Amino acid sequence: MSLARALGVAAADLYHQSWRLVILNGLLGAFLVGVVLASLAVRQAVLLFVLLGPVAAAVMHCAVMLAQTEELRMSEALVGLRRHWRRGLALGALVAAAASLGAVAVPFYSRMGTWAWPLAMLSIYVLLVFALFQLALWPLAVFEVGRPLREVLRDAVLVVGRRPLGFAGLGLALLLVNAIGVAAAILPFLTLTIAYSFLVSAHFALPKNPAREV
């Protein structure tokens, strides 16, 4: 599916299932805000970011179900949490580890002097590529729940490698959507834009369902 069509179809899904997605987005957003506030108060609380993984996986499960079937029940959130919590923890730990390494590497190289600036820029580039990789990894991790995670990681690399410009465009589009959500008194971010981002990623990264073809 093209990026433009993924954005459009996800917007239609968001419209038809708006109240369910608002609830799911709100739950994930509230959990995210709680973890951020706890991390600001207690440095060790940054480990709580790992716990975002199962909640995000449950929301992604709902996004994948909606993208594939055009239907969504609220009970799917509990189904997704029960089915994907272990994989969500693993993915959450992967994201937390990468973010922690980036938070150390970029300032470290930046302070080392002019000669180390290429290393700082390389660290930023690696983090950006890692972020784009997540846009394929999370939908695939939910969609291919029966496969080992190492195989899903390989599939995600192949998916991004086949469409690098497409995923770069996807990353920029979702960054813009969520930035607007935060700028608009943060309420849209906490109620709509996260779920919309999950939906767009599911449509863009996963095989098209023939039943949804027009």
N, C-alpha and C. Protein backbone atom coordinates (compact mmCIF):
# COMPACT_ATOMS: atom_id res chain seq x y z
N MET A 1 0.84 -1.19 0.00
CA MET A 1 0.00 0.00 0.00
C MET A 1 0.88 1.24 0.00
N SER A 2 0.53 2.21 -0.81
CA SER A 2 1.29 3.45 -0.87
C SER A 2 1.11 4.24 0.42
N LEU A 3 2.02 5.18 0.65
CA LEU A 3 1.94 5.99 1.86
C LEU A 3 0.67 6.83 1.87
N ALA A 4 0.36 7.46 0.74
CA ALA A 4 -0.84 8.31 0.67
C ALA A 4 -2.10 7.50 0.96
N ARG A 5 -2.18 6.30 0.40
CA ARG A 5 -3.37 5.46 0.64
C ARG A 5 -3.40 4.99 2.08
N ALA A 6 -2.24 4.64 2.65
CA ALA A 6 -2.20 4.20 4.05
C ALA A 6 -2.71 5.30 4.97
N LEU A 7 -2.28 6.54 4.70
CA LEU A 7 -2.74 7.68 5.51
C LEU A 7 -4.25 7.88 5.37
N GLY A 8 -4.76 7.74 4.15
CA GLY A 8 -6.18 7.93 3.91
C GLY A 8 -7.04 6.84 4.51
N VAL A 9 -6.64 5.58 4.29
CA VAL A 9 -7.43 4.46 4.82
C VAL A 9 -7.41 4.46 6.35
N ALA A 10 -6.25 4.78 6.94
CA ALA A 10 -6.16 4.86 8.40
C ALA A 10 -7.07 5.97 8.94
N ALA A 11 -7.15 7.09 8.21
CA ALA A 11 -8.04 8.18 8.63
C ALA A 11 -9.50 7.72 8.60
N ALA A 12 -9.87 6.94 7.58
CA ALA A 12 -11.23 6.42 7.50
C ALA A 12 -11.50 5.45 8.65
N ASP A 13 -10.54 4.57 8.95
CA ASP A 13 -10.69 3.65 10.08
C ASP A 13 -10.85 4.42 11.39
N LEU A 14 -10.05 5.48 11.53
CA LEU A 14 -10.12 6.30 12.74
C LEU A 14 -11.51 6.93 12.88
N TYR A 15 -12.07 7.36 11.78
CA TYR A 15 -13.40 7.98 11.81
C TYR A 15 -14.47 6.97 12.21
N HIS A 16 -14.42 5.78 11.63
CA HIS A 16 -15.47 4.79 11.87
C HIS A 16 -15.36 4.15 13.25
N GLN A 17 -14.17 4.11 13.82
CA GLN A 17 -13.98 3.49 15.13
C GLN A 17 -13.45 4.50 16.14
N SER A 18 -13.88 5.75 16.00
CA SER A 18 -13.27 6.84 16.75
C SER A 18 -13.36 6.67 18.26
N TRP A 19 -14.52 6.29 18.79
CA TRP A 19 -14.65 6.26 20.24
C TRP A 19 -13.80 5.15 20.85
N ARG A 20 -13.68 4.02 20.15
CA ARG A 20 -12.84 2.94 20.65
C ARG A 20 -11.36 3.34 20.62
N LEU A 21 -10.95 3.96 19.52
CA LEU A 21 -9.55 4.36 19.38
C LEU A 21 -9.19 5.50 20.33
N VAL A 22 -10.14 6.37 20.62
CA VAL A 22 -9.89 7.44 21.60
C VAL A 22 -9.62 6.83 22.97
N ILE A 23 -10.39 5.81 23.34
CA ILE A 23 -10.18 5.15 24.63
C ILE A 23 -8.81 4.47 24.67
N LEU A 24 -8.47 3.74 23.60
CA LEU A 24 -7.18 3.05 23.56
C LEU A 24 -6.03 4.05 23.57
N ASN A 25 -6.15 5.09 22.76
CA ASN A 25 -5.12 6.12 22.72
C ASN A 25 -4.98 6.79 24.09
N GLY A 26 -6.12 7.06 24.73
CA GLY A 26 -6.08 7.69 26.04
C GLY A 26 -5.40 6.84 27.09
N LEU A 27 -5.67 5.53 27.07
CA LEU A 27 -5.02 4.65 28.03
C LEU A 27 -3.51 4.61 27.83
N LEU A 28 -3.09 4.46 26.57
CA LEU A 28 -1.66 4.42 26.29
C LEU A 28 -1.02 5.78 26.59
N GLY A 29 -1.70 6.86 26.23
CA GLY A 29 -1.17 8.19 26.50
C GLY A 29 -1.04 8.46 27.99
N ALA A 30 -2.04 8.05 28.78
CA ALA A 30 -1.98 8.24 30.22
C ALA A 30 -0.83 7.45 30.83
N PHE A 31 -0.64 6.22 30.36
CA PHE A 31 0.47 5.40 30.85
C PHE A 31 1.80 6.04 30.50
N LEU A 32 1.89 6.57 29.27
CA LEU A 32 3.12 7.22 28.83
C LEU A 32 3.43 8.45 29.69
N VAL A 33 2.42 9.28 29.94
CA VAL A 33 2.62 10.47 30.76
C VAL A 33 3.04 10.08 32.17
N GLY A 34 2.41 9.05 32.73
CA GLY A 34 2.77 8.60 34.07
C GLY A 34 4.22 8.14 34.15
N VAL A 35 4.67 7.40 33.15
CA VAL A 35 6.05 6.92 33.14
C VAL A 35 7.02 8.09 32.99
N VAL A 36 6.70 9.05 32.14
CA VAL A 36 7.57 10.22 31.95
C VAL A 36 7.69 11.00 33.25
N LEU A 37 6.56 11.24 33.92
CA LEU A 37 6.59 11.99 35.17
C LEU A 37 7.36 11.24 36.25
N ALA A 38 7.18 9.93 36.31
CA ALA A 38 7.92 9.13 37.29
C ALA A 38 9.41 9.16 37.00
N SER A 39 9.78 9.14 35.73
CA SER A 39 11.19 9.16 35.36
C SER A 39 11.84 10.50 35.69
N LEU A 40 11.06 11.58 35.56
CA LEU A 40 11.59 12.89 35.92
C LEU A 40 11.80 13.02 37.42
N ALA A 41 10.93 12.35 38.19
CA ALA A 41 11.03 12.43 39.65
C ALA A 41 12.10 11.49 40.21
N VAL A 42 12.18 10.29 39.64
CA VAL A 42 13.13 9.27 40.11
C VAL A 42 13.87 8.72 38.91
N ARG A 43 15.18 8.90 38.87
CA ARG A 43 15.94 8.51 37.69
C ARG A 43 15.80 7.03 37.37
N GLN A 44 15.75 6.19 38.40
CA GLN A 44 15.64 4.75 38.16
C GLN A 44 14.31 4.36 37.54
N ALA A 45 13.33 5.26 37.63
CA ALA A 45 12.01 4.95 37.08
C ALA A 45 12.03 4.88 35.57
N VAL A 46 13.14 5.25 34.93
CA VAL A 46 13.23 5.15 33.48
C VAL A 46 13.03 3.71 33.02
N LEU A 47 13.30 2.77 33.93
CA LEU A 47 13.08 1.36 33.60
C LEU A 47 11.61 1.05 33.35
N LEU A 48 10.72 1.92 33.86
CA LEU A 48 9.30 1.71 33.64
C LEU A 48 8.93 1.82 32.17
N PHE A 49 9.80 2.45 31.36
CA PHE A 49 9.51 2.55 29.93
C PHE A 49 9.38 1.17 29.29
N VAL A 50 10.05 0.18 29.87
CA VAL A 50 9.94 -1.19 29.36
C VAL A 50 8.49 -1.66 29.47
N LEU A 51 7.80 -1.23 30.55
CA LEU A 51 6.43 -1.67 30.76
C LEU A 51 5.46 -1.05 29.77
N LEU A 52 5.89 -0.03 29.05
CA LEU A 52 5.05 0.51 27.97
C LEU A 52 4.88 -0.50 26.84
N GLY A 53 5.85 -1.42 26.72
CA GLY A 53 5.83 -2.38 25.63
C GLY A 53 4.56 -3.20 25.55
N PRO A 54 4.13 -3.88 26.63
CA PRO A 54 2.90 -4.67 26.55
C PRO A 54 1.67 -3.83 26.24
N VAL A 55 1.58 -2.61 26.80
CA VAL A 55 0.43 -1.75 26.53
C VAL A 55 0.43 -1.32 25.06
N ALA A 56 1.61 -0.94 24.56
CA ALA A 56 1.71 -0.56 23.15
C ALA A 56 1.40 -1.74 22.24
N ALA A 57 1.84 -2.94 22.63
CA ALA A 57 1.55 -4.12 21.82
C ALA A 57 0.06 -4.41 21.78
N ALA A 58 -0.64 -4.19 22.90
CA ALA A 58 -2.09 -4.40 22.92
C ALA A 58 -2.79 -3.41 21.99
N VAL A 59 -2.35 -2.15 22.00
CA VAL A 59 -2.95 -1.15 21.11
C VAL A 59 -2.61 -1.49 19.65
N MET A 60 -1.38 -1.93 19.40
CA MET A 60 -1.01 -2.32 18.04
C MET A 60 -1.82 -3.52 17.58
N HIS A 61 -2.12 -4.44 18.49
CA HIS A 61 -2.97 -5.58 18.14
C HIS A 61 -4.33 -5.08 17.64
N CYS A 62 -4.89 -4.10 18.33
CA CYS A 62 -6.17 -3.54 17.90
C CYS A 62 -6.04 -2.86 16.55
N ALA A 63 -4.93 -2.15 16.34
CA ALA A 63 -4.71 -1.48 15.06
C ALA A 63 -4.59 -2.49 13.93
N VAL A 64 -3.87 -3.58 14.16
CA VAL A 64 -3.71 -4.61 13.14
C VAL A 64 -5.05 -5.28 12.84
N MET A 65 -5.81 -5.58 13.89
CA MET A 65 -7.13 -6.19 13.68
C MET A 65 -8.02 -5.28 12.84
N LEU A 66 -8.02 -4.00 13.16
CA LEU A 66 -8.85 -3.06 12.42
C LEU A 66 -8.36 -2.91 10.98
N ALA A 67 -7.05 -2.85 10.80
CA ALA A 67 -6.49 -2.70 9.46
C ALA A 67 -6.79 -3.90 8.58
N GLN A 68 -6.83 -5.08 9.18
CA GLN A 68 -7.02 -6.30 8.40
C GLN A 68 -8.49 -6.66 8.20
N THR A 69 -9.35 -6.28 9.15
CA THR A 69 -10.73 -6.76 9.11
C THR A 69 -11.77 -5.65 9.02
N GLU A 70 -11.37 -4.40 9.23
CA GLU A 70 -12.31 -3.27 9.28
C GLU A 70 -13.24 -3.34 10.48
N GLU A 71 -12.96 -4.22 11.42
CA GLU A 71 -13.79 -4.35 12.61
C GLU A 71 -12.92 -4.28 13.86
N LEU A 72 -13.50 -3.81 14.96
CA LEU A 72 -12.76 -3.71 16.21
C LEU A 72 -13.74 -3.74 17.38
N ARG A 73 -13.46 -4.61 18.34
CA ARG A 73 -14.19 -4.65 19.59
C ARG A 73 -13.23 -4.27 20.72
N MET A 74 -13.75 -3.63 21.75
CA MET A 74 -12.90 -3.21 22.85
C MET A 74 -12.24 -4.40 23.54
N SER A 75 -12.89 -5.54 23.50
CA SER A 75 -12.32 -6.74 24.13
C SER A 75 -11.00 -7.15 23.49
N GLU A 76 -10.75 -6.69 22.25
CA GLU A 76 -9.51 -7.03 21.58
C GLU A 76 -8.29 -6.45 22.31
N ALA A 77 -8.49 -5.38 23.07
CA ALA A 77 -7.38 -4.81 23.84
C ALA A 77 -6.88 -5.81 24.87
N LEU A 78 -7.81 -6.48 25.56
CA LEU A 78 -7.42 -7.49 26.55
C LEU A 78 -6.84 -8.72 25.87
N VAL A 79 -7.43 -9.08 24.72
CA VAL A 79 -6.88 -10.20 23.95
C VAL A 79 -5.44 -9.90 23.54
N GLY A 80 -5.21 -8.68 23.05
CA GLY A 80 -3.87 -8.30 22.63
C GLY A 80 -2.88 -8.27 23.78
N LEU A 81 -3.32 -7.78 24.93
CA LEU A 81 -2.43 -7.75 26.09
C LEU A 81 -2.06 -9.15 26.54
N ARG A 82 -3.03 -10.03 26.57
CA ARG A 82 -2.77 -11.41 26.99
C ARG A 82 -1.89 -12.15 25.97
N ARG A 83 -2.11 -11.87 24.70
CA ARG A 83 -1.39 -12.60 23.67
C ARG A 83 0.02 -12.07 23.43
N HIS A 84 0.24 -10.77 23.63
CA HIS A 84 1.49 -10.15 23.20
C HIS A 84 2.32 -9.55 24.33
N TRP A 85 1.97 -9.78 25.61
CA TRP A 85 2.67 -9.06 26.66
C TRP A 85 4.15 -9.43 26.73
N ARG A 86 4.48 -10.70 26.49
CA ARG A 86 5.90 -11.08 26.52
C ARG A 86 6.67 -10.42 25.38
N ARG A 87 6.10 -10.48 24.20
CA ARG A 87 6.75 -9.84 23.06
C ARG A 87 6.80 -8.32 23.25
N GLY A 88 5.77 -7.77 23.86
CA GLY A 88 5.77 -6.34 24.14
C GLY A 88 6.88 -5.95 25.10
N LEU A 89 7.11 -6.77 26.12
CA LEU A 89 8.21 -6.51 27.04
C LEU A 89 9.55 -6.54 26.31
N ALA A 90 9.73 -7.52 25.43
CA ALA A 90 10.99 -7.63 24.68
C ALA A 90 11.19 -6.42 23.78
N LEU A 91 10.14 -6.01 23.09
CA LEU A 91 10.26 -4.84 22.20
C LEU A 91 10.44 -3.56 23.01
N GLY A 92 9.74 -3.46 24.14
CA GLY A 92 9.91 -2.30 25.00
C GLY A 92 11.33 -2.21 25.53
N ALA A 93 11.91 -3.36 25.91
CA ALA A 93 13.29 -3.37 26.39
C ALA A 93 14.26 -2.97 25.28
N LEU A 94 13.97 -3.41 24.06
CA LEU A 94 14.82 -3.05 22.92
C LEU A 94 14.80 -1.54 22.67
N VAL A 95 13.61 -0.96 22.70
CA VAL A 95 13.49 0.49 22.49
C VAL A 95 14.15 1.26 23.63
N ALA A 96 13.92 0.82 24.87
CA ALA A 96 14.51 1.50 26.03
C ALA A 96 16.03 1.44 25.98
N ALA A 97 16.58 0.29 25.58
CA ALA A 97 18.04 0.15 25.50
C ALA A 97 18.62 1.06 24.43
N ALA A 98 17.97 1.10 23.27
CA ALA A 98 18.47 1.96 22.19
C ALA A 98 18.38 3.43 22.58
N ALA A 99 17.27 3.82 23.20
CA ALA A 99 17.11 5.21 23.61
C ALA A 99 18.14 5.59 24.68
N SER A 100 18.42 4.67 25.60
CA SER A 100 19.41 4.94 26.65
C SER A 100 20.80 5.08 26.07
N LEU A 101 21.15 4.21 25.14
CA LEU A 101 22.46 4.30 24.50
C LEU A 101 22.59 5.60 23.71
N GLY A 102 21.53 5.96 23.00
CA GLY A 102 21.56 7.21 22.24
C GLY A 102 21.68 8.42 23.14
N ALA A 103 20.98 8.39 24.29
CA ALA A 103 21.03 9.51 25.22
C ALA A 103 22.41 9.68 25.84
N VAL A 104 23.18 8.60 25.87
CA VAL A 104 24.55 8.68 26.37
C VAL A 104 25.53 9.03 25.25
N ALA A 105 25.38 8.38 24.10
CA ALA A 105 26.37 8.51 23.02
C ALA A 105 26.38 9.90 22.40
N VAL A 106 25.19 10.45 22.09
CA VAL A 106 25.15 11.73 21.39
C VAL A 106 25.76 12.86 22.24
N PRO A 107 25.36 13.05 23.51
CA PRO A 107 26.01 14.11 24.31
C PRO A 107 27.50 13.85 24.53
N PHE A 108 27.88 12.58 24.69
CA PHE A 108 29.28 12.25 24.93
C PHE A 108 30.16 12.68 23.76
N TYR A 109 29.76 12.30 22.55
CA TYR A 109 30.56 12.67 21.38
C TYR A 109 30.49 14.17 21.11
N SER A 110 29.35 14.78 21.44
CA SER A 110 29.21 16.23 21.21
C SER A 110 30.18 17.02 22.07
N ARG A 111 30.50 16.50 23.26
CA ARG A 111 31.40 17.22 24.17
C ARG A 111 32.87 16.93 23.90
N MET A 112 33.14 15.98 23.02
CA MET A 112 34.52 15.54 22.81
C MET A 112 35.32 16.49 21.91
N GLY A 113 34.66 17.43 21.27
CA GLY A 113 35.37 18.34 20.39
C GLY A 113 34.96 18.16 18.94
N THR A 114 35.52 19.01 18.08
CA THR A 114 35.12 19.01 16.67
C THR A 114 35.39 17.68 16.00
N TRP A 115 36.48 17.03 16.37
CA TRP A 115 36.83 15.77 15.70
C TRP A 115 35.79 14.68 15.92
N ALA A 116 35.01 14.77 17.02
CA ALA A 116 34.05 13.72 17.34
C ALA A 116 32.65 14.02 16.81
N TRP A 117 32.46 15.19 16.19
CA TRP A 117 31.13 15.51 15.67
C TRP A 117 30.61 14.49 14.65
N PRO A 118 31.46 13.96 13.77
CA PRO A 118 30.95 12.91 12.86
C PRO A 118 30.39 11.70 13.61
N LEU A 119 30.99 11.36 14.76
CA LEU A 119 30.48 10.25 15.55
C LEU A 119 29.13 10.59 16.17
N ALA A 120 28.98 11.85 16.60
CA ALA A 120 27.69 12.28 17.14
C ALA A 120 26.61 12.23 16.07
N MET A 121 26.95 12.70 14.86
CA MET A 121 25.99 12.67 13.76
C MET A 121 25.66 11.24 13.36
N LEU A 122 26.68 10.37 13.39
CA LEU A 122 26.43 8.96 13.07
C LEU A 122 25.49 8.34 14.10
N SER A 123 25.66 8.69 15.37
CA SER A 123 24.78 8.17 16.42
C SER A 123 23.34 8.61 16.18
N ILE A 124 23.16 9.88 15.80
CA ILE A 124 21.81 10.38 15.52
C ILE A 124 21.21 9.65 14.32
N TYR A 125 22.03 9.43 13.30
CA TYR A 125 21.55 8.73 12.10
C TYR A 125 21.11 7.30 12.45
N VAL A 126 21.91 6.61 13.26
CA VAL A 126 21.56 5.24 13.66
C VAL A 126 20.25 5.24 14.45
N LEU A 127 20.06 6.22 15.32
CA LEU A 127 18.82 6.31 16.08
C LEU A 127 17.62 6.54 15.17
N LEU A 128 17.79 7.38 14.15
CA LEU A 128 16.70 7.64 13.22
C LEU A 128 16.34 6.39 12.42
N VAL A 129 17.36 5.66 11.97
CA VAL A 129 17.11 4.41 11.24
C VAL A 129 16.41 3.40 12.15
N PHE A 130 16.85 3.35 13.41
CA PHE A 130 16.22 2.44 14.37
C PHE A 130 14.75 2.81 14.56
N ALA A 131 14.45 4.10 14.63
CA ALA A 131 13.06 4.55 14.79
C ALA A 131 12.21 4.14 13.58
N LEU A 132 12.75 4.29 12.38
CA LEU A 132 12.01 3.86 11.18
C LEU A 132 11.79 2.35 11.19
N PHE A 133 12.77 1.62 11.67
CA PHE A 133 12.67 0.17 11.78
C PHE A 133 11.50 -0.23 12.67
N GLN A 134 11.23 0.55 13.72
CA GLN A 134 10.12 0.24 14.62
C GLN A 134 8.77 0.31 13.91
N LEU A 135 8.67 1.16 12.90
CA LEU A 135 7.41 1.31 12.19
C LEU A 135 7.01 0.04 11.44
N ALA A 136 7.99 -0.79 11.12
CA ALA A 136 7.70 -2.08 10.51
C ALA A 136 7.69 -3.20 11.55
N LEU A 137 8.57 -3.09 12.55
CA LEU A 137 8.74 -4.17 13.51
C LEU A 137 7.49 -4.40 14.35
N TRP A 138 6.90 -3.34 14.89
CA TRP A 138 5.76 -3.54 15.80
C TRP A 138 4.55 -4.15 15.10
N PRO A 139 4.14 -3.65 13.92
CA PRO A 139 3.02 -4.32 13.25
C PRO A 139 3.33 -5.78 12.91
N LEU A 140 4.54 -6.04 12.44
CA LEU A 140 4.91 -7.42 12.10
C LEU A 140 4.97 -8.31 13.33
N ALA A 141 5.45 -7.77 14.45
CA ALA A 141 5.55 -8.56 15.68
C ALA A 141 4.18 -9.02 16.14
N VAL A 142 3.16 -8.20 15.92
CA VAL A 142 1.79 -8.57 16.27
C VAL A 142 1.18 -9.47 15.20
N PHE A 143 1.39 -9.13 13.95
CA PHE A 143 0.81 -9.88 12.84
C PHE A 143 1.38 -11.30 12.75
N GLU A 144 2.67 -11.43 13.00
CA GLU A 144 3.34 -12.73 12.91
C GLU A 144 3.60 -13.28 14.31
N VAL A 145 2.57 -13.31 15.12
CA VAL A 145 2.74 -13.67 16.53
C VAL A 145 3.22 -15.11 16.70
N GLY A 146 2.95 -15.97 15.73
CA GLY A 146 3.35 -17.37 15.85
C GLY A 146 4.80 -17.63 15.49
N ARG A 147 5.51 -16.63 14.98
CA ARG A 147 6.90 -16.81 14.56
C ARG A 147 7.85 -16.31 15.63
N PRO A 148 9.06 -16.90 15.72
CA PRO A 148 10.05 -16.42 16.69
C PRO A 148 10.41 -14.96 16.43
N LEU A 149 10.72 -14.24 17.50
CA LEU A 149 10.98 -12.82 17.37
C LEU A 149 12.19 -12.55 16.47
N ARG A 150 13.20 -13.42 16.50
CA ARG A 150 14.38 -13.18 15.66
C ARG A 150 14.00 -13.22 14.18
N GLU A 151 13.04 -14.07 13.80
CA GLU A 151 12.59 -14.11 12.41
C GLU A 151 11.78 -12.86 12.07
N VAL A 152 11.01 -12.39 13.02
CA VAL A 152 10.24 -11.16 12.79
C VAL A 152 11.19 -9.97 12.62
N LEU A 153 12.26 -9.93 13.42
CA LEU A 153 13.26 -8.87 13.28
C LEU A 153 13.87 -8.89 11.88
N ARG A 154 14.17 -10.08 11.40
CA ARG A 154 14.74 -10.21 10.04
C ARG A 154 13.73 -9.74 9.00
N ASP A 155 12.47 -10.13 9.16
CA ASP A 155 11.44 -9.71 8.21
C ASP A 155 11.29 -8.19 8.21
N ALA A 156 11.36 -7.58 9.39
CA ALA A 156 11.23 -6.12 9.48
C ALA A 156 12.37 -5.42 8.75
N VAL A 157 13.58 -5.96 8.88
CA VAL A 157 14.72 -5.40 8.16
C VAL A 157 14.49 -5.48 6.66
N LEU A 158 13.98 -6.61 6.19
CA LEU A 158 13.73 -6.79 4.76
C LEU A 158 12.64 -5.84 4.27
N VAL A 159 11.59 -5.68 5.07
CA VAL A 159 10.48 -4.80 4.67
C VAL A 159 10.96 -3.36 4.54
N VAL A 160 11.72 -2.89 5.53
CA VAL A 160 12.24 -1.52 5.46
C VAL A 160 13.26 -1.40 4.34
N GLY A 161 14.09 -2.42 4.16
CA GLY A 161 15.11 -2.38 3.11
C GLY A 161 14.53 -2.32 1.72
N ARG A 162 13.34 -2.90 1.51
CA ARG A 162 12.70 -2.86 0.20
C ARG A 162 12.05 -1.51 -0.08
N ARG A 163 11.70 -0.77 0.98
CA ARG A 163 11.01 0.52 0.79
C ARG A 163 11.61 1.59 1.70
N PRO A 164 12.91 1.85 1.58
CA PRO A 164 13.53 2.81 2.51
C PRO A 164 12.95 4.21 2.40
N LEU A 165 12.71 4.67 1.17
CA LEU A 165 12.16 6.01 1.00
C LEU A 165 10.71 6.08 1.51
N GLY A 166 9.99 5.00 1.30
CA GLY A 166 8.61 4.97 1.79
C GLY A 166 8.55 5.07 3.30
N PHE A 167 9.42 4.33 3.99
CA PHE A 167 9.42 4.38 5.45
C PHE A 167 9.97 5.70 5.96
N ALA A 168 10.89 6.30 5.22
CA ALA A 168 11.35 7.64 5.59
C ALA A 168 10.20 8.64 5.50
N GLY A 169 9.41 8.54 4.43
CA GLY A 169 8.24 9.39 4.30
C GLY A 169 7.21 9.12 5.37
N LEU A 170 7.03 7.84 5.71
CA LEU A 170 6.11 7.48 6.78
C LEU A 170 6.55 8.09 8.10
N GLY A 171 7.85 8.00 8.39
CA GLY A 171 8.36 8.56 9.62
C GLY A 171 8.15 10.06 9.71
N LEU A 172 8.40 10.76 8.61
CA LEU A 172 8.21 12.21 8.59
C LEU A 172 6.73 12.57 8.75
N ALA A 173 5.86 11.83 8.07
CA ALA A 173 4.43 12.11 8.15
C ALA A 173 3.91 11.91 9.58
N LEU A 174 4.31 10.83 10.21
CA LEU A 174 3.83 10.56 11.57
C LEU A 174 4.46 11.51 12.58
N LEU A 175 5.71 11.92 12.33
CA LEU A 175 6.32 12.93 13.19
C LEU A 175 5.54 14.23 13.13
N LEU A 176 5.13 14.62 11.93
CA LEU A 176 4.36 15.84 11.75
C LEU A 176 3.00 15.72 12.43
N VAL A 177 2.33 14.59 12.24
CA VAL A 177 1.01 14.38 12.85
C VAL A 177 1.08 14.49 14.37
N ASN A 178 2.06 13.81 14.96
CA ASN A 178 2.16 13.82 16.42
C ASN A 178 2.67 15.16 16.95
N ALA A 179 3.52 15.84 16.19
CA ALA A 179 3.97 17.16 16.60
C ALA A 179 2.79 18.14 16.64
N ILE A 180 1.92 18.05 15.64
CA ILE A 180 0.72 18.89 15.63
C ILE A 180 -0.17 18.54 16.82
N GLY A 181 -0.26 17.23 17.12
CA GLY A 181 -1.07 16.80 18.26
C GLY A 181 -0.55 17.35 19.58
N VAL A 182 0.77 17.38 19.73
CA VAL A 182 1.37 17.92 20.96
C VAL A 182 1.20 19.44 21.00
N ALA A 183 1.41 20.08 19.85
CA ALA A 183 1.32 21.54 19.81
C ALA A 183 -0.09 22.04 20.08
N ALA A 184 -1.08 21.25 19.70
CA ALA A 184 -2.48 21.65 19.90
C ALA A 184 -2.93 21.30 21.32
N ALA A 185 -2.22 21.87 22.29
CA ALA A 185 -2.54 21.69 23.72
C ALA A 185 -2.45 20.23 24.16
N ILE A 186 -1.72 19.41 23.44
CA ILE A 186 -1.37 18.01 23.71
C ILE A 186 -2.58 17.07 23.74
N LEU A 187 -3.79 17.59 23.79
CA LEU A 187 -4.97 16.73 23.87
C LEU A 187 -5.13 15.80 22.67
N PRO A 188 -4.96 16.28 21.41
CA PRO A 188 -5.06 15.34 20.29
C PRO A 188 -4.03 14.22 20.36
N PHE A 189 -2.82 14.53 20.86
CA PHE A 189 -1.79 13.51 20.98
C PHE A 189 -2.23 12.41 21.94
N LEU A 190 -2.88 12.82 23.05
CA LEU A 190 -3.30 11.86 24.07
C LEU A 190 -4.59 11.14 23.72
N THR A 191 -5.30 11.59 22.69
CA THR A 191 -6.59 10.97 22.38
C THR A 191 -6.70 10.40 20.97
N LEU A 192 -5.84 10.84 20.03
CA LEU A 192 -6.03 10.41 18.64
C LEU A 192 -4.74 10.03 17.91
N THR A 193 -3.71 10.85 17.99
CA THR A 193 -2.62 10.72 17.03
C THR A 193 -1.76 9.48 17.24
N ILE A 194 -1.66 8.97 18.47
CA ILE A 194 -0.89 7.74 18.68
C ILE A 194 -1.59 6.57 17.99
N ALA A 195 -2.89 6.43 18.24
CA ALA A 195 -3.65 5.34 17.61
C ALA A 195 -3.62 5.47 16.09
N TYR A 196 -3.73 6.69 15.59
CA TYR A 196 -3.67 6.91 14.15
C TYR A 196 -2.30 6.47 13.60
N SER A 197 -1.24 6.77 14.32
CA SER A 197 0.11 6.38 13.89
C SER A 197 0.22 4.86 13.82
N PHE A 198 -0.34 4.17 14.81
CA PHE A 198 -0.32 2.71 14.80
C PHE A 198 -1.08 2.17 13.60
N LEU A 199 -2.23 2.78 13.31
CA LEU A 199 -3.04 2.34 12.18
C LEU A 199 -2.31 2.53 10.85
N VAL A 200 -1.71 3.69 10.67
CA VAL A 200 -0.98 3.94 9.42
C VAL A 200 0.16 2.95 9.26
N SER A 201 0.90 2.70 10.33
CA SER A 201 2.01 1.75 10.27
C SER A 201 1.52 0.35 9.91
N ALA A 202 0.39 -0.05 10.50
CA ALA A 202 -0.16 -1.37 10.20
C ALA A 202 -0.56 -1.48 8.74
N HIS A 203 -1.19 -0.45 8.20
CA HIS A 203 -1.59 -0.47 6.79
C HIS A 203 -0.37 -0.46 5.87
N PHE A 204 0.65 0.31 6.23
CA PHE A 204 1.79 0.49 5.33
C PHE A 204 2.75 -0.70 5.36
N ALA A 205 2.93 -1.30 6.54
CA ALA A 205 3.96 -2.34 6.69
C ALA A 205 3.44 -3.75 6.40
N LEU A 206 2.15 -3.98 6.55
CA LEU A 206 1.62 -5.34 6.45
C LEU A 206 1.05 -5.61 5.05
N PRO A 207 0.95 -6.89 4.69
CA PRO A 207 0.31 -7.23 3.41
C PRO A 207 -1.13 -6.75 3.38
N LYS A 208 -1.58 -6.33 2.20
CA LYS A 208 -2.95 -5.87 2.05
C LYS A 208 -3.91 -7.04 2.20
N ASN A 209 -5.03 -6.80 2.84
CA ASN A 209 -6.08 -7.78 2.94
C ASN A 209 -6.96 -7.66 1.70
N PRO A 210 -7.03 -8.70 0.86
CA PRO A 210 -7.84 -8.59 -0.37
C PRO A 210 -9.29 -8.21 -0.11
N ALA A 211 -9.81 -8.57 1.07
CA ALA A 211 -11.20 -8.24 1.37
C ALA A 211 -11.42 -6.75 1.51
N ARG A 212 -10.33 -5.98 1.68
CA ARG A 212 -10.47 -4.53 1.82
C ARG A 212 -10.23 -3.81 0.51
N GLU A 213 -9.95 -4.54 -0.55
CA GLU A 213 -9.72 -3.89 -1.84
C GLU A 213 -11.01 -3.29 -2.37
N VAL A 214 -10.88 -2.09 -2.90
CA VAL A 214 -12.05 -1.42 -3.45
C VAL A 214 -12.33 -1.97 -4.85
